[in-house]
């Protein structure tokens, strides 16, 4: 549940950073109920992906640094498929992480 919450926080921050501070095209995803479902569905993508990673790969700030940012990305991509979201997750993490 916390992953979905961080996605929503990122979505809401993106909304607050727009001029009109409105949710775009919620009618296309079934309103706020659809938004909650979207966060839940995409959180499952992140959680499934995370389970395949080395538990020591990422510091404890993953939700703030990655999950929230992916929520902001979702603001502009409300109709993204789980596959599109996973591709963005992998792209973002590849940029976020770097060899020491």
PDB file of N, CA and C in Angstrom:
ATOM      1  N   UNK A   1       0.814  -1.193   0.000  1.00  0.00           N
ATOM      2  CA  UNK A   1       0.000   0.000   0.000  1.00  0.00           C
ATOM      3  C   UNK A   1       0.858   1.257   0.000  1.00  0.00           C
ATOM      4  N   UNK A   2       2.021   1.215   0.640  1.00  0.00           N
ATOM      5  CA  UNK A   2       2.827   2.434   0.700  1.00  0.00           C
ATOM      6  C   UNK A   2       3.322   2.845  -0.681  1.00  0.00           C
ATOM      7  N   UNK A   3       3.585   1.887  -1.552  1.00  0.00           N
ATOM      8  CA  UNK A   3       4.033   2.233  -2.901  1.00  0.00           C
ATOM      9  C   UNK A   3       2.947   3.021  -3.624  1.00  0.00           C
ATOM     10  N   UNK A   4       1.704   2.578  -3.529  1.00  0.00           N
ATOM     11  CA  UNK A   4       0.591   3.295  -4.162  1.00  0.00           C
ATOM     12  C   UNK A   4       0.448   4.696  -3.568  1.00  0.00           C
ATOM     13  N   UNK A   5       0.675   4.812  -2.287  1.00  0.00           N
ATOM     14  CA  UNK A   5       0.580   6.123  -1.629  1.00  0.00           C
ATOM     15  C   UNK A   5       1.636   7.071  -2.163  1.00  0.00           C
ATOM     16  N   UNK A   6       2.868   6.593  -2.305  1.00  0.00           N
ATOM     17  CA  UNK A   6       3.926   7.449  -2.847  1.00  0.00           C
ATOM     18  C   UNK A   6       3.659   7.818  -4.305  1.00  0.00           C
ATOM     19  N   UNK A   7       3.075   6.908  -5.072  1.00  0.00           N
ATOM     20  CA  UNK A   7       2.690   7.253  -6.450  1.00  0.00           C
ATOM     21  C   UNK A   7       1.660   8.381  -6.439  1.00  0.00           C
ATOM     22  N   UNK A   8       0.675   8.256  -5.559  1.00  0.00           N
ATOM     23  CA  UNK A   8      -0.350   9.296  -5.475  1.00  0.00           C
ATOM     24  C   UNK A   8       0.262  10.637  -5.059  1.00  0.00           C
ATOM     25  N   UNK A   9       1.184  10.611  -4.112  1.00  0.00           N
ATOM     26  CA  UNK A   9       1.845  11.847  -3.686  1.00  0.00           C
ATOM     27  C   UNK A   9       2.536  12.501  -4.879  1.00  0.00           C
ATOM     28  N   UNK A  10       3.229  11.705  -5.687  1.00  0.00           N
ATOM     29  CA  UNK A  10       3.884  12.243  -6.873  1.00  0.00           C
ATOM     30  C   UNK A  10       2.889  12.812  -7.874  1.00  0.00           C
ATOM     31  N   UNK A  11       1.783  12.116  -8.064  1.00  0.00           N
ATOM     32  CA  UNK A  11       0.717  12.616  -8.941  1.00  0.00           C
ATOM     33  C   UNK A  11       0.187  13.955  -8.436  1.00  0.00           C
ATOM     34  N   UNK A  12      -0.071  14.024  -7.146  1.00  0.00           N
ATOM     35  CA  UNK A  12      -0.641  15.236  -6.572  1.00  0.00           C
ATOM     36  C   UNK A  12       0.358  16.394  -6.618  1.00  0.00           C
ATOM     37  N   UNK A  13       1.621  16.119  -6.380  1.00  0.00           N
ATOM     38  CA  UNK A  13       2.636  17.177  -6.504  1.00  0.00           C
ATOM     39  C   UNK A  13       2.681  17.706  -7.936  1.00  0.00           C
ATOM     40  N   UNK A  14       2.610  16.808  -8.905  1.00  0.00           N
ATOM     41  CA  UNK A  14       2.613  17.244 -10.311  1.00  0.00           C
ATOM     42  C   UNK A  14       1.380  18.099 -10.598  1.00  0.00           C
ATOM     43  N   UNK A  15       0.245  17.701 -10.068  1.00  0.00           N
ATOM     44  CA  UNK A  15      -0.991  18.476 -10.267  1.00  0.00           C
ATOM     45  C   UNK A  15      -0.838  19.866  -9.651  1.00  0.00           C
ATOM     46  N   UNK A  16      -0.289  19.927  -8.462  1.00  0.00           N
ATOM     47  CA  UNK A  16      -0.126  21.223  -7.780  1.00  0.00           C
ATOM     48  C   UNK A  16       0.873  22.133  -8.493  1.00  0.00           C
ATOM     49  N   UNK A  17       1.752  21.549  -9.277  1.00  0.00           N
ATOM     50  CA  UNK A  17       2.746  22.341 -10.000  1.00  0.00           C
ATOM     51  C   UNK A  17       2.245  22.832 -11.354  1.00  0.00           C
ATOM     52  N   UNK A  18       1.002  22.528 -11.700  1.00  0.00           N
ATOM     53  CA  UNK A  18       0.437  23.026 -12.948  1.00  0.00           C
ATOM     54  C   UNK A  18      -0.231  24.366 -12.687  1.00  0.00           C
ATOM     55  N   UNK A  19      -0.438  25.099 -13.736  1.00  0.00           N
ATOM     56  CA  UNK A  19      -1.045  26.432 -13.607  1.00  0.00           C
ATOM     57  C   UNK A  19      -2.472  26.337 -13.065  1.00  0.00           C
ATOM     58  N   UNK A  20      -3.258  25.434 -13.603  1.00  0.00           N
ATOM     59  CA  UNK A  20      -4.671  25.337 -13.211  1.00  0.00           C
ATOM     60  C   UNK A  20      -4.911  24.438 -12.005  1.00  0.00           C
ATOM     61  N   UNK A  21      -3.897  23.675 -11.622  1.00  0.00           N
ATOM     62  CA  UNK A  21      -4.000  22.777 -10.470  1.00  0.00           C
ATOM     63  C   UNK A  21      -5.192  21.822 -10.569  1.00  0.00           C
ATOM     64  N   UNK A  22      -5.414  21.310 -11.751  1.00  0.00           N
ATOM     65  CA  UNK A  22      -6.527  20.383 -11.992  1.00  0.00           C
ATOM     66  C   UNK A  22      -6.004  19.016 -12.393  1.00  0.00           C
ATOM     67  N   UNK A  23      -6.858  18.036 -12.189  1.00  0.00           N
ATOM     68  CA  UNK A  23      -6.557  16.689 -12.665  1.00  0.00           C
ATOM     69  C   UNK A  23      -6.922  16.615 -14.148  1.00  0.00           C
ATOM     70  N   UNK A  24      -6.026  16.137 -14.992  1.00  0.00           N
ATOM     71  CA  UNK A  24      -6.336  16.045 -16.418  1.00  0.00           C
ATOM     72  C   UNK A  24      -7.081  14.755 -16.765  1.00  0.00           C
ATOM     73  N   UNK A  25      -8.094  14.868 -17.546  1.00  0.00           N
ATOM     74  CA  UNK A  25      -8.747  13.711 -18.169  1.00  0.00           C
ATOM     75  C   UNK A  25      -9.122  12.574 -17.229  1.00  0.00           C
ATOM     76  N   UNK A  26      -9.531  12.882 -16.015  1.00  0.00           N
ATOM     77  CA  UNK A  26      -9.917  11.797 -15.110  1.00  0.00           C
ATOM     78  C   UNK A  26     -11.115  11.022 -15.630  1.00  0.00           C
ATOM     79  N   UNK A  27     -11.934  11.669 -16.455  1.00  0.00           N
ATOM     80  CA  UNK A  27     -13.096  10.962 -17.011  1.00  0.00           C
ATOM     81  C   UNK A  27     -12.662   9.763 -17.856  1.00  0.00           C
ATOM     82  N   UNK A  28     -11.459   9.815 -18.419  1.00  0.00           N
ATOM     83  CA  UNK A  28     -10.974   8.713 -19.257  1.00  0.00           C
ATOM     84  C   UNK A  28     -10.583   7.479 -18.440  1.00  0.00           C
ATOM     85  N   UNK A  29     -10.348   7.678 -17.133  1.00  0.00           N
ATOM     86  CA  UNK A  29      -9.937   6.544 -16.299  1.00  0.00           C
ATOM     87  C   UNK A  29     -10.929   6.269 -15.175  1.00  0.00           C
ATOM     88  N   UNK A  30     -12.143   6.743 -15.296  1.00  0.00           N
ATOM     89  CA  UNK A  30     -13.210   6.473 -14.316  1.00  0.00           C
ATOM     90  C   UNK A  30     -13.109   7.357 -13.069  1.00  0.00           C
ATOM     91  N   UNK A  31     -12.665   8.577 -13.231  1.00  0.00           N
ATOM     92  CA  UNK A  31     -12.640   9.520 -12.117  1.00  0.00           C
ATOM     93  C   UNK A  31     -11.609   9.173 -11.052  1.00  0.00           C
ATOM     94  N   UNK A  32     -11.882   9.628  -9.832  1.00  0.00           N
ATOM     95  CA  UNK A  32     -10.939   9.389  -8.740  1.00  0.00           C
ATOM     96  C   UNK A  32     -10.832   7.910  -8.383  1.00  0.00           C
ATOM     97  N   UNK A  33     -11.919   7.167  -8.542  1.00  0.00           N
ATOM     98  CA  UNK A  33     -11.853   5.723  -8.295  1.00  0.00           C
ATOM     99  C   UNK A  33     -10.861   5.081  -9.267  1.00  0.00           C
ATOM    100  N   UNK A  34     -10.887   5.524 -10.513  1.00  0.00           N
ATOM    101  CA  UNK A  34      -9.940   5.035 -11.499  1.00  0.00           C
ATOM    102  C   UNK A  34      -8.512   5.451 -11.178  1.00  0.00           C
ATOM    103  N   UNK A  35      -8.363   6.642 -10.603  1.00  0.00           N
ATOM    104  CA  UNK A  35      -7.037   7.116 -10.208  1.00  0.00           C
ATOM    105  C   UNK A  35      -6.464   6.233  -9.099  1.00  0.00           C
ATOM    106  N   UNK A  36      -7.295   5.876  -8.137  1.00  0.00           N
ATOM    107  CA  UNK A  36      -6.861   4.981  -7.058  1.00  0.00           C
ATOM    108  C   UNK A  36      -6.490   3.618  -7.639  1.00  0.00           C
ATOM    109  N   UNK A  37      -7.304   3.104  -8.552  1.00  0.00           N
ATOM    110  CA  UNK A  37      -6.994   1.826  -9.208  1.00  0.00           C
ATOM    111  C   UNK A  37      -5.686   1.916  -9.980  1.00  0.00           C
ATOM    112  N   UNK A  38      -5.477   3.035 -10.667  1.00  0.00           N
ATOM    113  CA  UNK A  38      -4.246   3.225 -11.434  1.00  0.00           C
ATOM    114  C   UNK A  38      -3.038   3.176 -10.496  1.00  0.00           C
ATOM    115  N   UNK A  39      -3.103   3.892  -9.396  1.00  0.00           N
ATOM    116  CA  UNK A  39      -1.996   3.886  -8.428  1.00  0.00           C
ATOM    117  C   UNK A  39      -1.752   2.471  -7.902  1.00  0.00           C
ATOM    118  N   UNK A  40      -2.809   1.756  -7.609  1.00  0.00           N
ATOM    119  CA  UNK A  40      -2.682   0.391  -7.112  1.00  0.00           C
ATOM    120  C   UNK A  40      -2.057  -0.521  -8.166  1.00  0.00           C
ATOM    121  N   UNK A  41      -2.532  -0.425  -9.410  1.00  0.00           N
ATOM    122  CA  UNK A  41      -2.001  -1.267 -10.488  1.00  0.00           C
ATOM    123  C   UNK A  41      -0.521  -0.993 -10.740  1.00  0.00           C
ATOM    124  N   UNK A  42      -0.155   0.274 -10.777  1.00  0.00           N
ATOM    125  CA  UNK A  42       1.233   0.621 -11.073  1.00  0.00           C
ATOM    126  C   UNK A  42       2.138   0.337  -9.872  1.00  0.00           C
ATOM    127  N   UNK A  43       1.590   0.425  -8.660  1.00  0.00           N
ATOM    128  CA  UNK A  43       2.366   0.048  -7.473  1.00  0.00           C
ATOM    129  C   UNK A  43       2.737  -1.428  -7.538  1.00  0.00           C
ATOM    130  N   UNK A  44       1.836  -2.244  -8.049  1.00  0.00           N
ATOM    131  CA  UNK A  44       2.128  -3.672  -8.200  1.00  0.00           C
ATOM    132  C   UNK A  44       3.278  -3.895  -9.170  1.00  0.00           C
ATOM    133  N   UNK A  45       3.366  -3.062 -10.207  1.00  0.00           N
ATOM    134  CA  UNK A  45       4.476  -3.153 -11.164  1.00  0.00           C
ATOM    135  C   UNK A  45       5.793  -2.855 -10.445  1.00  0.00           C
ATOM    136  N   UNK A  46       5.805  -1.790  -9.652  1.00  0.00           N
ATOM    137  CA  UNK A  46       7.021  -1.428  -8.908  1.00  0.00           C
ATOM    138  C   UNK A  46       7.375  -2.514  -7.897  1.00  0.00           C
ATOM    139  N   UNK A  47       6.386  -2.994  -7.159  1.00  0.00           N
ATOM    140  CA  UNK A  47       6.644  -4.012  -6.137  1.00  0.00           C
ATOM    141  C   UNK A  47       7.176  -5.298  -6.757  1.00  0.00           C
ATOM    142  N   UNK A  48       6.603  -5.710  -7.867  1.00  0.00           N
ATOM    143  CA  UNK A  48       7.069  -6.924  -8.556  1.00  0.00           C
ATOM    144  C   UNK A  48       8.497  -6.729  -9.045  1.00  0.00           C
ATOM    145  N   UNK A  49       8.775  -5.569  -9.615  1.00  0.00           N
ATOM    146  CA  UNK A  49      10.115  -5.255 -10.102  1.00  0.00           C
ATOM    147  C   UNK A  49      11.100  -5.238  -8.928  1.00  0.00           C
ATOM    148  N   UNK A  50      10.705  -4.626  -7.823  1.00  0.00           N
ATOM    149  CA  UNK A  50      11.581  -4.499  -6.653  1.00  0.00           C
ATOM    150  C   UNK A  50      11.953  -5.859  -6.065  1.00  0.00           C
ATOM    151  N   UNK A  51      11.025  -6.811  -6.110  1.00  0.00           N
ATOM    152  CA  UNK A  51      11.283  -8.142  -5.560  1.00  0.00           C
ATOM    153  C   UNK A  51      12.395  -8.861  -6.317  1.00  0.00           C
ATOM    154  N   UNK A  52      12.637  -8.475  -7.561  1.00  0.00           N
ATOM    155  CA  UNK A  52      13.675  -9.108  -8.382  1.00  0.00           C
ATOM    156  C   UNK A  52      15.043  -8.451  -8.199  1.00  0.00           C
ATOM    157  N   UNK A  53      15.098  -7.364  -7.425  1.00  0.00           N
ATOM    158  CA  UNK A  53      16.340  -6.629  -7.231  1.00  0.00           C
ATOM    159  C   UNK A  53      17.059  -7.110  -5.979  1.00  0.00           C
ATOM    160  N   UNK A  54      18.342  -6.903  -5.958  1.00  0.00           N
ATOM    161  CA  UNK A  54      19.137  -7.169  -4.762  1.00  0.00           C
ATOM    162  C   UNK A  54      18.645  -6.239  -3.660  1.00  0.00           C
ATOM    163  N   UNK A  55      18.287  -6.761  -2.492  1.00  0.00           N
ATOM    164  CA  UNK A  55      17.737  -5.897  -1.440  1.00  0.00           C
ATOM    165  C   UNK A  55      18.692  -4.793  -0.999  1.00  0.00           C
ATOM    166  N   UNK A  56      19.980  -4.953  -1.267  1.00  0.00           N
ATOM    167  CA  UNK A  56      20.957  -3.927  -0.899  1.00  0.00           C
ATOM    168  C   UNK A  56      21.247  -2.959  -2.038  1.00  0.00           C
ATOM    169  N   UNK A  57      20.527  -3.103  -3.157  1.00  0.00           N
ATOM    170  CA  UNK A  57      20.792  -2.275  -4.336  1.00  0.00           C
ATOM    171  C   UNK A  57      20.390  -0.825  -4.153  1.00  0.00           C
ATOM    172  N   UNK A  58      19.336  -0.585  -3.406  1.00  0.00           N
ATOM    173  CA  UNK A  58      18.788   0.764  -3.322  1.00  0.00           C
ATOM    174  C   UNK A  58      18.700   1.207  -1.870  1.00  0.00           C
ATOM    175  N   UNK A  59      19.025   2.451  -1.624  1.00  0.00           N
ATOM    176  CA  UNK A  59      18.877   2.965  -0.258  1.00  0.00           C
ATOM    177  C   UNK A  59      17.405   3.111   0.108  1.00  0.00           C
ATOM    178  N   UNK A  60      17.130   3.424   1.347  1.00  0.00           N
ATOM    179  CA  UNK A  60      15.758   3.525   1.832  1.00  0.00           C
ATOM    180  C   UNK A  60      14.972   4.680   1.269  1.00  0.00           C
ATOM    181  N   UNK A  61      15.587   5.500   0.452  1.00  0.00           N
ATOM    182  CA  UNK A  61      14.890   6.663  -0.101  1.00  0.00           C
ATOM    183  C   UNK A  61      14.256   6.362  -1.456  1.00  0.00           C
ATOM    184  N   UNK A  62      14.185   5.093  -1.831  1.00  0.00           N
ATOM    185  CA  UNK A  62      13.651   4.719  -3.144  1.00  0.00           C
ATOM    186  C   UNK A  62      12.257   5.297  -3.376  1.00  0.00           C
ATOM    187  N   UNK A  63      11.385   5.219  -2.366  1.00  0.00           N
ATOM    188  CA  UNK A  63      10.022   5.726  -2.553  1.00  0.00           C
ATOM    189  C   UNK A  63      10.007   7.226  -2.805  1.00  0.00           C
ATOM    190  N   UNK A  64      10.862   7.971  -2.126  1.00  0.00           N
ATOM    191  CA  UNK A  64      10.860   9.429  -2.330  1.00  0.00           C
ATOM    192  C   UNK A  64      11.508   9.787  -3.653  1.00  0.00           C
ATOM    193  N   UNK A  65      12.610   9.109  -3.948  1.00  0.00           N
ATOM    194  CA  UNK A  65      13.411   9.475  -5.113  1.00  0.00           C
ATOM    195  C   UNK A  65      12.872   8.908  -6.428  1.00  0.00           C
ATOM    196  N   UNK A  66      12.287   7.732  -6.379  1.00  0.00           N
ATOM    197  CA  UNK A  66      11.843   7.073  -7.608  1.00  0.00           C
ATOM    198  C   UNK A  66      10.320   6.982  -7.684  1.00  0.00           C
ATOM    199  N   UNK A  67       9.691   6.408  -6.675  1.00  0.00           N
ATOM    200  CA  UNK A  67       8.251   6.177  -6.744  1.00  0.00           C
ATOM    201  C   UNK A  67       7.473   7.478  -6.897  1.00  0.00           C
ATOM    202  N   UNK A  68       7.822   8.498  -6.115  1.00  0.00           N
ATOM    203  CA  UNK A  68       7.132   9.785  -6.255  1.00  0.00           C
ATOM    204  C   UNK A  68       7.346  10.380  -7.641  1.00  0.00           C
ATOM    205  N   UNK A  69       8.561  10.275  -8.154  1.00  0.00           N
ATOM    206  CA  UNK A  69       8.842  10.811  -9.490  1.00  0.00           C
ATOM    207  C   UNK A  69       8.044  10.065 -10.557  1.00  0.00           C
ATOM    208  N   UNK A  70       7.880   8.776 -10.374  1.00  0.00           N
ATOM    209  CA  UNK A  70       7.059   8.012 -11.318  1.00  0.00           C
ATOM    210  C   UNK A  70       5.591   8.420 -11.210  1.00  0.00           C
ATOM    211  N   UNK A  71       5.164   8.797 -10.022  1.00  0.00           N
ATOM    212  CA  UNK A  71       3.814   9.342  -9.865  1.00  0.00           C
ATOM    213  C   UNK A  71       3.661  10.624 -10.662  1.00  0.00           C
ATOM    214  N   UNK A  72       4.676  11.478 -10.632  1.00  0.00           N
ATOM    215  CA  UNK A  72       4.646  12.717 -11.425  1.00  0.00           C
ATOM    216  C   UNK A  72       4.587  12.389 -12.914  1.00  0.00           C
ATOM    217  N   UNK A  73       5.323  11.368 -13.328  1.00  0.00           N
ATOM    218  CA  UNK A  73       5.284  10.937 -14.733  1.00  0.00           C
ATOM    219  C   UNK A  73       3.866  10.463 -15.088  1.00  0.00           C
ATOM    220  N   UNK A  74       3.234   9.742 -14.164  1.00  0.00           N
ATOM    221  CA  UNK A  74       1.873   9.246 -14.406  1.00  0.00           C
ATOM    222  C   UNK A  74       0.874  10.378 -14.630  1.00  0.00           C
ATOM    223  N   UNK A  75       1.103  11.524 -14.000  1.00  0.00           N
ATOM    224  CA  UNK A  75       0.203  12.664 -14.172  1.00  0.00           C
ATOM    225  C   UNK A  75       0.005  12.985 -15.649  1.00  0.00           C
ATOM    226  N   UNK A  76       1.076  12.892 -16.418  1.00  0.00           N
ATOM    227  CA  UNK A  76       1.001  13.166 -17.863  1.00  0.00           C
ATOM    228  C   UNK A  76       0.727  11.923 -18.693  1.00  0.00           C
ATOM    229  N   UNK A  77       0.626  10.769 -18.036  1.00  0.00           N
ATOM    230  CA  UNK A  77       0.441   9.503 -18.753  1.00  0.00           C
ATOM    231  C   UNK A  77      -0.607   8.639 -18.060  1.00  0.00           C
ATOM    232  N   UNK A  78      -1.766   9.230 -17.779  1.00  0.00           N
ATOM    233  CA  UNK A  78      -2.803   8.509 -17.034  1.00  0.00           C
ATOM    234  C   UNK A  78      -3.290   7.251 -17.737  1.00  0.00           C
ATOM    235  N   UNK A  79      -3.127   7.200 -19.033  1.00  0.00           N
ATOM    236  CA  UNK A  79      -3.597   6.033 -19.771  1.00  0.00           C
ATOM    237  C   UNK A  79      -2.462   5.067 -20.122  1.00  0.00           C
ATOM    238  N   UNK A  80      -1.337   5.197 -19.437  1.00  0.00           N
ATOM    239  CA  UNK A  80      -0.201   4.302 -19.685  1.00  0.00           C
ATOM    240  C   UNK A  80      -0.566   2.872 -19.294  1.00  0.00           C
ATOM    241  N   UNK A  81      -0.035   1.944 -20.032  1.00  0.00           N
ATOM    242  CA  UNK A  81      -0.214   0.527 -19.700  1.00  0.00           C
ATOM    243  C   UNK A  81       0.838   0.139 -18.655  1.00  0.00           C
ATOM    244  N   UNK A  82       0.617  -0.971 -17.955  1.00  0.00           N
ATOM    245  CA  UNK A  82       1.653  -1.435 -17.029  1.00  0.00           C
ATOM    246  C   UNK A  82       3.003  -1.649 -17.722  1.00  0.00           C
ATOM    247  N   UNK A  83       2.993  -2.121 -18.956  1.00  0.00           N
ATOM    248  CA  UNK A  83       4.249  -2.320 -19.689  1.00  0.00           C
ATOM    249  C   UNK A  83       4.950  -0.990 -19.964  1.00  0.00           C
ATOM    250  N   UNK A  84       4.190   0.020 -20.330  1.00  0.00           N
ATOM    251  CA  UNK A  84       4.771   1.352 -20.550  1.00  0.00           C
ATOM    252  C   UNK A  84       5.306   1.919 -19.245  1.00  0.00           C
ATOM    253  N   UNK A  85       4.573   1.700 -18.171  1.00  0.00           N
ATOM    254  CA  UNK A  85       5.013   2.176 -16.863  1.00  0.00           C
ATOM    255  C   UNK A  85       6.298   1.466 -16.439  1.00  0.00           C
ATOM    256  N   UNK A  86       6.369   0.165 -16.657  1.00  0.00           N
ATOM    257  CA  UNK A  86       7.577  -0.581 -16.291  1.00  0.00           C
ATOM    258  C   UNK A  86       8.767  -0.099 -17.110  1.00  0.00           C
ATOM    259  N   UNK A  87       8.555   0.190 -18.382  1.00  0.00           N
ATOM    260  CA  UNK A  87       9.646   0.714 -19.210  1.00  0.00           C
ATOM    261  C   UNK A  87      10.146   2.045 -18.647  1.00  0.00           C
ATOM    262  N   UNK A  88       9.231   2.908 -18.205  1.00  0.00           N
ATOM    263  CA  UNK A  88       9.628   4.184 -17.606  1.00  0.00           C
ATOM    264  C   UNK A  88      10.334   3.951 -16.272  1.00  0.00           C
ATOM    265  N   UNK A  89       9.862   3.009 -15.480  1.00  0.00           N
ATOM    266  CA  UNK A  89      10.520   2.651 -14.225  1.00  0.00           C
ATOM    267  C   UNK A  89      11.967   2.237 -14.490  1.00  0.00           C
ATOM    268  N   UNK A  90      12.157   1.348 -15.427  1.00  0.00           N
ATOM    269  CA  UNK A  90      13.501   0.856 -15.728  1.00  0.00           C
ATOM    270  C   UNK A  90      14.386   1.964 -16.291  1.00  0.00           C
ATOM    271  N   UNK A  91      13.827   2.825 -17.132  1.00  0.00           N
ATOM    272  CA  UNK A  91      14.580   3.950 -17.677  1.00  0.00           C
ATOM    273  C   UNK A  91      14.992   4.893 -16.550  1.00  0.00           C
ATOM    274  N   UNK A  92      14.044   5.217 -15.684  1.00  0.00           N
ATOM    275  CA  UNK A  92      14.306   6.156 -14.601  1.00  0.00           C
ATOM    276  C   UNK A  92      15.356   5.591 -13.645  1.00  0.00           C
ATOM    277  N   UNK A  93      15.230   4.320 -13.268  1.00  0.00           N
ATOM    278  CA  UNK A  93      16.174   3.722 -12.335  1.00  0.00           C
ATOM    279  C   UNK A  93      17.573   3.654 -12.953  1.00  0.00           C
ATOM    280  N   UNK A  94      17.658   3.401 -14.254  1.00  0.00           N
ATOM    281  CA  UNK A  94      18.974   3.336 -14.890  1.00  0.00           C
ATOM    282  C   UNK A  94      19.681   4.687 -14.847  1.00  0.00           C
ATOM    283  N   UNK A  95      18.910   5.766 -14.855  1.00  0.00           N
ATOM    284  CA  UNK A  95      19.476   7.114 -14.752  1.00  0.00           C
ATOM    285  C   UNK A  95      19.757   7.443 -13.283  1.00  0.00           C
ATOM    286  N   UNK A  96      18.862   7.022 -12.413  1.00  0.00           N
ATOM    287  CA  UNK A  96      18.960   7.337 -10.982  1.00  0.00           C
ATOM    288  C   UNK A  96      20.151   6.645 -10.334  1.00  0.00           C
ATOM    289  N   UNK A  97      20.413   5.419 -10.743  1.00  0.00           N
ATOM    290  CA  UNK A  97      21.532   4.676 -10.171  1.00  0.00           C
ATOM    291  C   UNK A  97      22.758   4.868 -11.033  1.00  0.00           C
ATOM    292  N   UNK A  98      23.897   4.752 -10.428  1.00  0.00           N
ATOM    293  CA  UNK A  98      25.142   4.846 -11.185  1.00  0.00           C
ATOM    294  C   UNK A  98      26.201   4.067 -10.427  1.00  0.00           C
ATOM    295  N   UNK A  99      27.160   3.529 -11.163  1.00  0.00           N
ATOM    296  CA  UNK A  99      28.215   2.756 -10.478  1.00  0.00           C
ATOM    297  C   UNK A  99      29.080   3.676  -9.618  1.00  0.00           C
ATOM    298  N   UNK A 100      29.428   3.186  -8.445  1.00  0.00           N
ATOM    299  CA  UNK A 100      30.286   3.983  -7.548  1.00  0.00           C
ATOM    300  C   UNK A 100      31.743   3.766  -7.883  1.00  0.00           C
TER     301      UNK A 100
END
